[in-house]
């Protein structure tokens, strides 16, 4: 993936989540209960890490995507110096990272279906092992995952559906999101393809695709 494409997809990820999925209140409550340093794997663009730091928590966010981390840094800068000081962002792999302060975190979590991006059960187990390796005794581990049922999977037949049409406030362009999910029962995996078309009315759109 080119740097331009990575930056576009990171921006469009944030546009996708302008409608709050409802997990921030839960994470803030868990962090308050944990009462200590917080580790977020697959921290992305800082959607959760920055509000946690704004609430006074010491937060470390780990992600492989430099474009996502760039948006997280910008979000922290916008929130102010106190947030920047409380937030450490690390580019690394959630499956293998071992931070120098492993064993000191009171809360460690994988947010919003990130576990599904791990391509195999071994990868998923490795990410959970990373959570365990970084927790202090008595710390809290949390994996946020949507549990599908047979009816959900039956709809994953490769059809392309319209998800939404929105204006991107950063560019002023209209963005149309299309998505397709294809479930393979033999491997118990889903191939998810997301298509973003963006442009001004009457102009040819630019298309970004992620599978």
Protein backbone atom coordinates (compact mmCIF):
# COMPACT_ATOMS: atom_id res chain seq x y z
CA UNK A 1 0.00 0.00 0.00
CA UNK A 2 1.32 3.45 -0.87
CA UNK A 3 1.73 6.15 1.78
CA UNK A 4 -1.00 8.20 0.06
CA UNK A 5 -3.43 5.30 0.18
CA UNK A 6 -2.60 4.54 3.81
CA UNK A 7 -3.23 8.17 4.81
CA UNK A 8 -6.52 8.24 2.89
CA UNK A 9 -7.76 5.02 4.46
CA UNK A 10 -6.83 6.25 7.94
CA UNK A 11 -8.79 9.45 7.33
CA UNK A 12 -11.77 7.49 5.99
CA UNK A 13 -11.65 5.14 8.99
CA UNK A 14 -12.25 8.15 11.22
CA UNK A 15 -15.08 9.31 8.97
CA UNK A 16 -16.56 5.81 9.22
CA UNK A 17 -16.59 6.06 13.02
CA UNK A 18 -18.08 9.54 13.33
CA UNK A 19 -21.13 7.65 14.59
CA UNK A 20 -19.97 6.52 18.03
CA UNK A 21 -20.05 2.70 18.27
CA UNK A 22 -20.73 3.09 21.99
CA UNK A 23 -17.55 1.61 23.45
CA UNK A 24 -15.85 4.71 24.87
CA UNK A 25 -17.97 4.86 28.04
CA UNK A 26 -17.16 1.21 28.77
CA UNK A 27 -13.42 1.75 28.31
CA UNK A 28 -13.44 4.85 30.50
CA UNK A 29 -15.32 2.94 33.21
CA UNK A 30 -12.84 0.04 33.07
CA UNK A 31 -9.89 2.44 33.22
CA UNK A 32 -11.38 4.15 36.27
CA UNK A 33 -11.85 0.79 37.94
CA UNK A 34 -8.35 -0.35 37.02
CA UNK A 35 -6.79 2.83 38.45
CA UNK A 36 -3.41 2.61 36.72
CA UNK A 37 -1.58 2.62 33.39
CA UNK A 38 -3.55 1.55 30.32
CA UNK A 39 -2.36 -0.37 27.26
CA UNK A 40 -4.36 -0.36 24.03
CA UNK A 41 -3.35 -2.76 21.26
CA UNK A 42 -4.47 -1.80 17.74
CA UNK A 43 -4.90 1.77 18.97
CA UNK A 44 -5.43 3.11 15.45
CA UNK A 45 -6.10 6.84 15.18
CA UNK A 46 -6.43 7.42 18.91
CA UNK A 47 -10.21 7.34 19.03
CA UNK A 48 -10.07 5.77 22.52
CA UNK A 49 -6.51 6.45 23.63
CA UNK A 50 -6.80 10.23 23.44
CA UNK A 51 -10.03 10.47 25.50
CA UNK A 52 -8.45 8.14 28.06
CA UNK A 53 -5.47 10.48 28.34
CA UNK A 54 -7.84 13.45 28.54
CA UNK A 55 -9.43 11.78 31.58
CA UNK A 56 -6.02 11.69 33.28
CA UNK A 57 -4.92 8.11 32.54
CA UNK A 58 -1.39 7.20 31.49
CA UNK A 59 -1.92 5.45 28.15
CA UNK A 60 0.27 3.48 25.77
CA UNK A 61 -1.15 2.79 22.31
CA UNK A 62 0.37 0.22 19.96
CA UNK A 63 -0.40 -0.05 16.25
CA UNK A 64 1.34 -1.25 13.07
CA UNK A 65 -0.17 1.45 10.83
CA UNK A 66 1.99 4.58 10.79
CA UNK A 67 -0.75 6.60 9.06
CA UNK A 68 -3.16 5.74 11.87
CA UNK A 69 -0.57 6.67 14.49
CA UNK A 70 0.02 9.96 12.70
CA UNK A 71 -3.65 10.82 13.12
CA UNK A 72 -3.48 9.77 16.78
CA UNK A 73 -0.54 12.13 17.34
CA UNK A 74 -2.42 14.96 15.64
CA UNK A 75 -5.50 14.26 17.77
CA UNK A 76 -3.37 14.32 20.93
CA UNK A 77 -1.68 17.57 19.88
CA UNK A 78 -5.09 19.15 19.36
CA UNK A 79 -6.15 18.03 22.84
CA UNK A 80 -3.20 19.81 24.45
CA UNK A 81 0.15 19.31 26.12
CA UNK A 82 -1.14 17.43 29.15
CA UNK A 83 -2.67 14.78 26.89
CA UNK A 84 0.52 14.52 24.83
CA UNK A 85 2.53 13.89 28.00
CA UNK A 86 0.17 11.14 29.17
CA UNK A 87 0.02 9.34 25.81
CA UNK A 88 2.80 7.16 24.39
CA UNK A 89 2.32 5.81 20.86
CA UNK A 90 4.38 2.84 19.68
CA UNK A 91 4.58 1.38 16.18
CA UNK A 92 4.71 -2.37 16.68
CA UNK A 93 2.84 -5.64 16.18
CA UNK A 94 0.13 -6.49 18.74
CA UNK A 95 1.03 -10.17 18.40
CA UNK A 96 4.68 -9.85 19.32
CA UNK A 97 5.33 -6.53 21.05
CA UNK A 98 6.86 -6.65 24.52
CA UNK A 99 7.27 -3.18 26.01
CA UNK A 100 9.95 -2.40 28.61
CA UNK A 101 7.26 -1.78 31.24
CA UNK A 102 5.40 -5.04 30.56
CA UNK A 103 3.81 -6.32 33.75
CA UNK A 104 2.85 -2.87 35.04
CA UNK A 105 -0.44 -2.16 33.25
CA UNK A 106 -3.69 -2.18 35.19
CA UNK A 107 -5.84 -2.34 32.04
CA UNK A 108 -4.90 -3.87 28.67
CA UNK A 109 -7.39 -4.17 25.85
CA UNK A 110 -8.07 -4.87 22.17
CA UNK A 111 -10.84 -2.57 20.93
CA UNK A 112 -13.77 -2.84 18.54
CA UNK A 113 -13.31 -6.11 16.65
CA UNK A 114 -9.56 -5.67 16.20
CA UNK A 115 -9.16 -9.31 17.19
CA UNK A 116 -10.88 -10.18 13.89
CA UNK A 117 -8.01 -8.58 11.97
CA UNK A 118 -5.70 -11.26 13.32
CA UNK A 119 -5.65 -13.74 10.47
CA UNK A 120 -5.61 -17.01 12.38
CA UNK A 121 -6.39 -18.48 15.77
CA UNK A 122 -2.66 -18.56 16.46
CA UNK A 123 -2.44 -14.82 15.72
CA UNK A 124 -5.43 -14.16 17.97
CA UNK A 125 -3.89 -16.23 20.76
CA UNK A 126 -0.64 -14.30 20.37
CA UNK A 127 -2.45 -10.97 20.75
CA UNK A 128 -4.21 -12.19 23.90
CA UNK A 129 -0.84 -13.40 25.22
CA UNK A 130 0.47 -9.88 24.66
CA UNK A 131 -2.33 -8.52 26.85
CA UNK A 132 -1.48 -11.04 29.55
CA UNK A 133 2.25 -10.34 29.40
CA UNK A 134 1.72 -6.63 30.01
CA UNK A 135 -0.80 -6.80 32.86
CA UNK A 136 0.11 -6.25 36.48
CA UNK A 137 -1.21 -8.84 38.95
CA UNK A 138 -4.94 -8.29 39.34
CA UNK A 139 -5.11 -6.17 36.19
CA UNK A 140 -8.03 -6.18 33.75
CA UNK A 141 -7.86 -7.59 30.22
CA UNK A 142 -10.63 -6.83 27.73
CA UNK A 143 -11.26 -7.94 24.13
CA UNK A 144 -14.16 -6.17 22.40
CA UNK A 145 -15.62 -8.45 19.70
CA UNK A 146 -18.99 -8.72 18.01
CA UNK A 147 -20.27 -12.30 18.25
CA UNK A 148 -21.96 -13.29 15.01
CA UNK A 149 -24.68 -15.91 14.69
CA UNK A 150 -25.72 -18.17 11.81
CA UNK A 151 -28.12 -15.59 10.39
CA UNK A 152 -25.36 -12.97 10.26
CA UNK A 153 -22.98 -15.32 8.50
CA UNK A 154 -25.64 -16.37 5.99
CA UNK A 155 -25.83 -12.78 4.77
CA UNK A 156 -22.07 -12.74 4.10
CA UNK A 157 -22.41 -14.01 0.54
CA UNK A 158 -20.26 -11.47 -1.26
CA UNK A 159 -23.02 -9.04 -2.21
CA UNK A 160 -22.02 -5.36 -2.30
CA UNK A 161 -24.13 -3.10 -0.08
CA UNK A 162 -24.29 0.64 0.46
CA UNK A 163 -23.14 1.49 3.99
CA UNK A 164 -23.43 5.28 3.98
CA UNK A 165 -22.92 8.58 2.14
CA UNK A 166 -21.22 11.37 4.10
CA UNK A 167 -19.35 14.61 3.58
CA UNK A 168 -15.76 14.51 4.82
CA UNK A 169 -15.25 17.72 6.84
CA UNK A 170 -11.50 17.53 6.22
CA UNK A 171 -11.78 17.64 2.43
CA UNK A 172 -15.30 18.85 1.70
CA UNK A 173 -15.77 15.86 -0.62
CA UNK A 174 -18.71 13.49 -0.63
CA UNK A 175 -17.73 9.96 0.39
CA UNK A 176 -19.74 6.86 -0.47
CA UNK A 177 -18.91 3.67 1.40
CA UNK A 178 -19.68 0.27 -0.11
CA UNK A 179 -18.84 -3.02 1.57
CA UNK A 180 -18.88 -6.72 0.80
CA UNK A 181 -18.43 -9.65 3.20
CA UNK A 182 -17.86 -13.22 2.04
CA UNK A 183 -17.95 -16.04 4.63
CA UNK A 184 -15.91 -19.20 4.02
CA UNK A 185 -17.38 -21.97 6.16
CA UNK A 186 -14.42 -24.28 5.51
CA UNK A 187 -11.98 -21.91 7.21
CA UNK A 188 -14.47 -20.00 9.41
CA UNK A 189 -13.14 -16.72 8.02
CA UNK A 190 -14.74 -13.66 6.48
CA UNK A 191 -13.21 -11.68 3.63
CA UNK A 192 -14.35 -8.10 4.13
CA UNK A 193 -13.82 -5.61 1.31
CA UNK A 194 -14.52 -1.92 1.84
CA UNK A 195 -14.77 0.53 -1.05
CA UNK A 196 -14.71 4.30 -0.54
CA UNK A 197 -15.52 6.60 -3.46
CA UNK A 198 -14.92 10.28 -2.80
CA UNK A 199 -15.26 13.39 -4.91
CA UNK A 200 -17.19 16.57 -5.59
CA UNK A 201 -20.57 16.40 -7.32
CA UNK A 202 -20.17 16.09 -11.08
CA UNK A 203 -16.53 15.03 -10.87
CA UNK A 204 -15.02 11.59 -11.31
CA UNK A 205 -14.54 10.04 -7.87
CA UNK A 206 -11.32 8.75 -6.39
CA UNK A 207 -11.65 5.17 -5.18
CA UNK A 208 -9.91 3.61 -2.18
CA UNK A 209 -10.22 -0.12 -1.48
CA UNK A 210 -9.23 -2.17 1.55
CA UNK A 211 -9.64 -5.93 1.95
